[in-house]
């Protein structure tokens, strides 16, 4: 049983190390504000206009 606890702690330590080395990682969850809205892809605009 103690081996499971040690393995969990080791895995958590490795995961935190990898996440900390990964750069700009946002662990804040879903975003619902203005920053979450993305402008439409400009390349997709002519395709939708031509299909009308």
N, C-alpha and C. Protein backbone atom coordinates (compact mmCIF):
# COMPACT_ATOMS: atom_id res chain seq x y z
N UNK A 1 0.83 -1.20 0.00
CA UNK A 1 0.00 0.00 0.00
C UNK A 1 0.87 1.26 0.00
N UNK A 2 1.97 1.21 0.70
CA UNK A 2 2.83 2.38 0.76
C UNK A 2 3.49 2.64 -0.59
N UNK A 3 3.63 1.58 -1.39
CA UNK A 3 4.22 1.74 -2.72
C UNK A 3 3.32 2.58 -3.62
N UNK A 4 2.00 2.42 -3.45
CA UNK A 4 1.06 3.21 -4.25
C UNK A 4 1.18 4.69 -3.89
N UNK A 5 1.29 4.98 -2.61
CA UNK A 5 1.43 6.36 -2.16
C UNK A 5 2.73 6.98 -2.66
N UNK A 6 3.82 6.22 -2.62
CA UNK A 6 5.10 6.72 -3.11
C UNK A 6 5.04 6.94 -4.62
N UNK A 7 4.40 6.03 -5.34
CA UNK A 7 4.27 6.19 -6.79
C UNK A 7 3.43 7.41 -7.13
N UNK A 8 2.37 7.66 -6.37
CA UNK A 8 1.54 8.83 -6.62
C UNK A 8 2.32 10.12 -6.39
N UNK A 9 3.07 10.18 -5.31
CA UNK A 9 3.88 11.37 -5.02
C UNK A 9 4.94 11.58 -6.09
N UNK A 10 5.57 10.50 -6.53
CA UNK A 10 6.59 10.61 -7.58
C UNK A 10 5.97 11.08 -8.89
N UNK A 11 4.82 10.54 -9.24
CA UNK A 11 4.14 10.94 -10.47
C UNK A 11 3.72 12.41 -10.40
N UNK A 12 3.19 12.83 -9.26
CA UNK A 12 2.78 14.23 -9.09
C UNK A 12 3.98 15.16 -9.20
N UNK A 13 5.11 14.76 -8.62
CA UNK A 13 6.31 15.59 -8.70
C UNK A 13 6.79 15.72 -10.14
N UNK A 14 6.79 14.64 -10.87
CA UNK A 14 7.21 14.68 -12.27
C UNK A 14 6.24 15.52 -13.09
N UNK A 15 4.94 15.39 -12.84
CA UNK A 15 3.95 16.17 -13.58
C UNK A 15 4.12 17.66 -13.31
N UNK A 16 4.31 18.03 -12.07
CA UNK A 16 4.52 19.44 -11.73
C UNK A 16 5.81 19.98 -12.35
N UNK A 17 6.84 19.17 -12.37
CA UNK A 17 8.10 19.58 -12.98
C UNK A 17 7.92 19.82 -14.48
N UNK A 18 7.23 18.91 -15.16
CA UNK A 18 7.01 19.04 -16.60
C UNK A 18 6.15 20.26 -16.89
N UNK A 19 5.10 20.48 -16.09
CA UNK A 19 4.24 21.64 -16.31
C UNK A 19 4.98 22.94 -16.06
N UNK A 20 5.86 22.94 -15.08
CA UNK A 20 6.60 24.17 -14.79
C UNK A 20 7.61 24.50 -15.87
N UNK A 21 8.13 23.50 -16.56
CA UNK A 21 9.08 23.71 -17.64
C UNK A 21 8.39 23.98 -18.97
N UNK A 22 7.08 23.82 -19.02
CA UNK A 22 6.34 23.93 -20.27
C UNK A 22 6.13 25.33 -20.78
N UNK A 23 6.33 26.34 -19.97
CA UNK A 23 6.13 27.71 -20.42
C UNK A 23 4.87 28.30 -19.85
N UNK A 24 4.14 29.03 -20.70
CA UNK A 24 2.95 29.75 -20.28
C UNK A 24 1.74 28.81 -20.31
N UNK A 25 1.48 28.17 -19.19
CA UNK A 25 0.37 27.23 -19.07
C UNK A 25 -0.68 27.85 -18.17
N UNK A 26 -1.91 27.96 -18.67
CA UNK A 26 -3.00 28.55 -17.91
C UNK A 26 -3.85 27.44 -17.31
N UNK A 27 -3.83 27.32 -16.00
CA UNK A 27 -4.60 26.30 -15.30
C UNK A 27 -5.88 26.90 -14.71
N UNK A 28 -6.36 28.00 -15.29
CA UNK A 28 -7.49 28.72 -14.75
C UNK A 28 -8.85 28.16 -15.13
N UNK A 29 -8.92 27.21 -16.00
CA UNK A 29 -10.21 26.66 -16.40
C UNK A 29 -10.78 27.38 -17.60
N UNK A 30 -12.09 27.23 -17.79
CA UNK A 30 -12.74 27.84 -18.95
C UNK A 30 -12.78 29.35 -18.80
N UNK A 31 -12.67 30.02 -19.92
CA UNK A 31 -12.74 31.47 -19.95
C UNK A 31 -14.03 31.88 -20.64
N UNK A 32 -14.76 32.83 -20.05
CA UNK A 32 -16.03 33.26 -20.62
C UNK A 32 -16.07 34.77 -20.85
N UNK A 33 -14.95 35.44 -20.79
CA UNK A 33 -14.93 36.89 -20.96
C UNK A 33 -14.60 37.30 -22.37
N UNK A 34 -14.28 38.57 -22.53
CA UNK A 34 -13.93 39.12 -23.84
C UNK A 34 -12.63 38.49 -24.34
N UNK A 35 -11.73 38.17 -23.45
CA UNK A 35 -10.46 37.57 -23.87
C UNK A 35 -10.66 36.19 -24.46
N UNK A 36 -11.76 35.53 -24.15
CA UNK A 36 -11.99 34.18 -24.65
C UNK A 36 -12.49 34.20 -26.09
N UNK A 37 -13.02 35.33 -26.53
CA UNK A 37 -13.56 35.40 -27.89
C UNK A 37 -12.43 35.59 -28.87
N UNK A 38 -12.47 34.81 -29.94
CA UNK A 38 -11.43 34.89 -30.96
C UNK A 38 -12.04 35.45 -32.23
N UNK A 39 -11.29 36.24 -32.93
CA UNK A 39 -11.75 36.76 -34.22
C UNK A 39 -11.83 35.62 -35.22
N UNK A 40 -12.79 35.69 -36.13
CA UNK A 40 -12.88 34.62 -37.14
C UNK A 40 -11.65 34.61 -38.03
N UNK A 41 -11.35 33.46 -38.54
CA UNK A 41 -10.19 33.30 -39.41
C UNK A 41 -10.42 34.06 -40.72
N UNK A 42 -9.52 34.99 -41.07
CA UNK A 42 -9.74 35.76 -42.31
C UNK A 42 -9.76 34.90 -43.55
N UNK A 43 -9.10 33.77 -43.56
CA UNK A 43 -9.09 32.90 -44.73
C UNK A 43 -10.45 32.21 -44.91
N UNK A 44 -11.22 32.06 -43.84
CA UNK A 44 -12.52 31.39 -43.94
C UNK A 44 -13.60 32.35 -44.44
N UNK A 45 -13.41 33.67 -44.34
CA UNK A 45 -14.44 34.63 -44.73
C UNK A 45 -14.77 34.56 -46.22
N UNK A 46 -13.82 34.54 -47.15
CA UNK A 46 -14.20 34.47 -48.57
C UNK A 46 -14.90 33.16 -48.92
N UNK A 47 -14.58 32.08 -48.27
CA UNK A 47 -15.21 30.81 -48.58
C UNK A 47 -16.68 30.84 -48.21
N UNK A 48 -17.03 31.47 -47.08
CA UNK A 48 -18.43 31.52 -46.68
C UNK A 48 -19.21 32.51 -47.56
N UNK A 49 -18.56 33.60 -48.00
CA UNK A 49 -19.23 34.55 -48.87
C UNK A 49 -19.48 33.95 -50.27
N UNK A 50 -18.58 33.11 -50.73
CA UNK A 50 -18.74 32.51 -52.06
C UNK A 50 -19.79 31.41 -52.05
N UNK A 51 -20.07 30.83 -50.91
CA UNK A 51 -21.03 29.72 -50.86
C UNK A 51 -22.46 30.20 -50.80
N UNK A 52 -22.70 31.52 -50.64
CA UNK A 52 -24.08 32.03 -50.54
C UNK A 52 -24.74 32.08 -51.86
